[in-house]
């Protein structure tokens, strides 16, 4: 049975961090994330300090149904919890471009 997920901002941040860790565990997922964001693996640390970065992580997860379902299955949550978490974070992450 899937666990319920509250949509508080702190819970949403925690879920987004878990999603980022899940992405980073797999070379294919990480490469797709880096390609989509334009970041380097070293750039993730800098980007993570930006308030809306975690919202961007959830946006990425929500844009890939296979990734979303794999993460939700591993985390034991309903996939809709990520959309709720995304709404709880608000904002929109945009990478600074030189």
C-alpha atoms as a PDB file:
ATOM      1  CA  UNK A   1       0.000   0.000   0.000  1.00  0.00           C
ATOM      2  CA  UNK A   2       1.280   3.458  -0.888  1.00  0.00           C
ATOM      3  CA  UNK A   3       1.963   5.842   1.944  1.00  0.00           C
ATOM      4  CA  UNK A   4       0.266   9.235   2.046  1.00  0.00           C
ATOM      5  CA  UNK A   5       2.296  12.354   1.488  1.00  0.00           C
ATOM      6  CA  UNK A   6       1.489  15.714   3.002  1.00  0.00           C
ATOM      7  CA  UNK A   7       2.024  18.776   0.868  1.00  0.00           C
ATOM      8  CA  UNK A   8       3.772  21.033   3.382  1.00  0.00           C
ATOM      9  CA  UNK A   9       6.722  22.946   2.006  1.00  0.00           C
ATOM     10  CA  UNK A  10       9.207  21.116   4.262  1.00  0.00           C
ATOM     11  CA  UNK A  11       7.812  17.719   3.272  1.00  0.00           C
ATOM     12  CA  UNK A  12       7.944  18.803  -0.378  1.00  0.00           C
ATOM     13  CA  UNK A  13      11.610  19.803  -0.038  1.00  0.00           C
ATOM     14  CA  UNK A  14      12.409  16.465   1.568  1.00  0.00           C
ATOM     15  CA  UNK A  15      10.678  14.590  -1.240  1.00  0.00           C
ATOM     16  CA  UNK A  16      12.521  16.636  -3.871  1.00  0.00           C
ATOM     17  CA  UNK A  17      15.864  15.859  -2.203  1.00  0.00           C
ATOM     18  CA  UNK A  18      14.954  12.170  -2.236  1.00  0.00           C
ATOM     19  CA  UNK A  19      14.053  12.482  -5.923  1.00  0.00           C
ATOM     20  CA  UNK A  20      17.396  14.136  -6.676  1.00  0.00           C
ATOM     21  CA  UNK A  21      19.229  11.341  -4.849  1.00  0.00           C
ATOM     22  CA  UNK A  22      17.260   8.786  -6.863  1.00  0.00           C
ATOM     23  CA  UNK A  23      18.229  10.535 -10.105  1.00  0.00           C
ATOM     24  CA  UNK A  24      21.884  10.713  -9.076  1.00  0.00           C
ATOM     25  CA  UNK A  25      22.024   6.969  -8.304  1.00  0.00           C
ATOM     26  CA  UNK A  26      21.646   6.024 -11.975  1.00  0.00           C
ATOM     27  CA  UNK A  27      24.024   7.237 -14.701  1.00  0.00           C
ATOM     28  CA  UNK A  28      21.272   7.292 -17.344  1.00  0.00           C
ATOM     29  CA  UNK A  29      18.870   9.283 -15.153  1.00  0.00           C
ATOM     30  CA  UNK A  30      21.633  11.669 -14.104  1.00  0.00           C
ATOM     31  CA  UNK A  31      22.762  12.225 -17.697  1.00  0.00           C
ATOM     32  CA  UNK A  32      19.178  13.004 -18.752  1.00  0.00           C
ATOM     33  CA  UNK A  33      18.781  15.419 -15.827  1.00  0.00           C
ATOM     34  CA  UNK A  34      22.045  17.193 -16.595  1.00  0.00           C
ATOM     35  CA  UNK A  35      21.123  17.424 -20.263  1.00  0.00           C
ATOM     36  CA  UNK A  36      17.661  18.822 -19.493  1.00  0.00           C
ATOM     37  CA  UNK A  37      18.962  21.407 -17.025  1.00  0.00           C
ATOM     38  CA  UNK A  38      22.193  22.337 -18.745  1.00  0.00           C
ATOM     39  CA  UNK A  39      24.043  21.748 -15.484  1.00  0.00           C
ATOM     40  CA  UNK A  40      27.228  19.820 -14.899  1.00  0.00           C
ATOM     41  CA  UNK A  41      27.498  17.341 -12.052  1.00  0.00           C
ATOM     42  CA  UNK A  42      29.559  19.956 -10.186  1.00  0.00           C
ATOM     43  CA  UNK A  43      26.953  22.629 -10.982  1.00  0.00           C
ATOM     44  CA  UNK A  44      24.264  20.735  -9.102  1.00  0.00           C
ATOM     45  CA  UNK A  45      25.786  21.770  -5.779  1.00  0.00           C
ATOM     46  CA  UNK A  46      25.660  25.442  -6.719  1.00  0.00           C
ATOM     47  CA  UNK A  47      22.165  25.146  -8.153  1.00  0.00           C
ATOM     48  CA  UNK A  48      20.936  23.337  -5.044  1.00  0.00           C
ATOM     49  CA  UNK A  49      21.441  26.539  -3.078  1.00  0.00           C
ATOM     50  CA  UNK A  50      18.890  28.313  -5.284  1.00  0.00           C
ATOM     51  CA  UNK A  51      15.450  28.309  -3.664  1.00  0.00           C
ATOM     52  CA  UNK A  52      13.538  27.025  -6.686  1.00  0.00           C
ATOM     53  CA  UNK A  53      16.012  24.329  -7.730  1.00  0.00           C
ATOM     54  CA  UNK A  54      14.107  21.605  -5.888  1.00  0.00           C
ATOM     55  CA  UNK A  55      10.970  22.617  -7.774  1.00  0.00           C
ATOM     56  CA  UNK A  56      12.983  22.073 -10.956  1.00  0.00           C
ATOM     57  CA  UNK A  57      13.956  18.601  -9.764  1.00  0.00           C
ATOM     58  CA  UNK A  58      10.282  17.750  -9.330  1.00  0.00           C
ATOM     59  CA  UNK A  59       9.456  19.297 -12.720  1.00  0.00           C
ATOM     60  CA  UNK A  60      12.022  16.998 -14.289  1.00  0.00           C
ATOM     61  CA  UNK A  61      10.652  13.980 -12.469  1.00  0.00           C
ATOM     62  CA  UNK A  62       7.084  14.836 -13.494  1.00  0.00           C
ATOM     63  CA  UNK A  63       8.106  15.221 -17.144  1.00  0.00           C
ATOM     64  CA  UNK A  64       9.280  11.593 -17.407  1.00  0.00           C
ATOM     65  CA  UNK A  65       6.595   9.042 -16.577  1.00  0.00           C
ATOM     66  CA  UNK A  66       8.996   6.093 -16.366  1.00  0.00           C
ATOM     67  CA  UNK A  67      11.259   7.985 -13.994  1.00  0.00           C
ATOM     68  CA  UNK A  68       8.263   9.158 -11.972  1.00  0.00           C
ATOM     69  CA  UNK A  69       6.846   5.650 -11.628  1.00  0.00           C
ATOM     70  CA  UNK A  70      10.230   4.150 -10.752  1.00  0.00           C
ATOM     71  CA  UNK A  71      10.837   6.735  -8.050  1.00  0.00           C
ATOM     72  CA  UNK A  72       7.308   6.491  -6.645  1.00  0.00           C
ATOM     73  CA  UNK A  73       7.607   2.712  -6.487  1.00  0.00           C
ATOM     74  CA  UNK A  74      10.943   2.868  -4.713  1.00  0.00           C
ATOM     75  CA  UNK A  75       9.741   5.572  -2.298  1.00  0.00           C
ATOM     76  CA  UNK A  76       6.444   3.785  -1.654  1.00  0.00           C
ATOM     77  CA  UNK A  77       4.360   6.835  -2.508  1.00  0.00           C
ATOM     78  CA  UNK A  78       1.544   7.638  -4.883  1.00  0.00           C
ATOM     79  CA  UNK A  79       3.013   9.334  -7.994  1.00  0.00           C
ATOM     80  CA  UNK A  80       0.490  12.153  -7.535  1.00  0.00           C
ATOM     81  CA  UNK A  81       2.386  13.091  -4.368  1.00  0.00           C
ATOM     82  CA  UNK A  82       5.127  14.592  -6.529  1.00  0.00           C
ATOM     83  CA  UNK A  83       2.651  16.922  -8.225  1.00  0.00           C
ATOM     84  CA  UNK A  84       1.344  17.973  -4.806  1.00  0.00           C
ATOM     85  CA  UNK A  85       4.894  18.537  -3.620  1.00  0.00           C
ATOM     86  CA  UNK A  86       5.645  20.578  -6.716  1.00  0.00           C
ATOM     87  CA  UNK A  87       2.656  22.819  -6.065  1.00  0.00           C
ATOM     88  CA  UNK A  88       3.704  23.197  -2.426  1.00  0.00           C
ATOM     89  CA  UNK A  89       7.124  24.487  -3.495  1.00  0.00           C
ATOM     90  CA  UNK A  90       5.687  27.070  -5.875  1.00  0.00           C
ATOM     91  CA  UNK A  91       7.987  29.186  -8.000  1.00  0.00           C
ATOM     92  CA  UNK A  92       9.862  28.100 -11.062  1.00  0.00           C
ATOM     93  CA  UNK A  93      13.528  27.277 -11.289  1.00  0.00           C
ATOM     94  CA  UNK A  94      15.439  28.879 -14.098  1.00  0.00           C
ATOM     95  CA  UNK A  95      19.125  28.266 -14.422  1.00  0.00           C
ATOM     96  CA  UNK A  96      21.214  31.408 -14.659  1.00  0.00           C
ATOM     97  CA  UNK A  97      22.708  31.628 -18.116  1.00  0.00           C
ATOM     98  CA  UNK A  98      25.915  33.533 -18.744  1.00  0.00           C
END
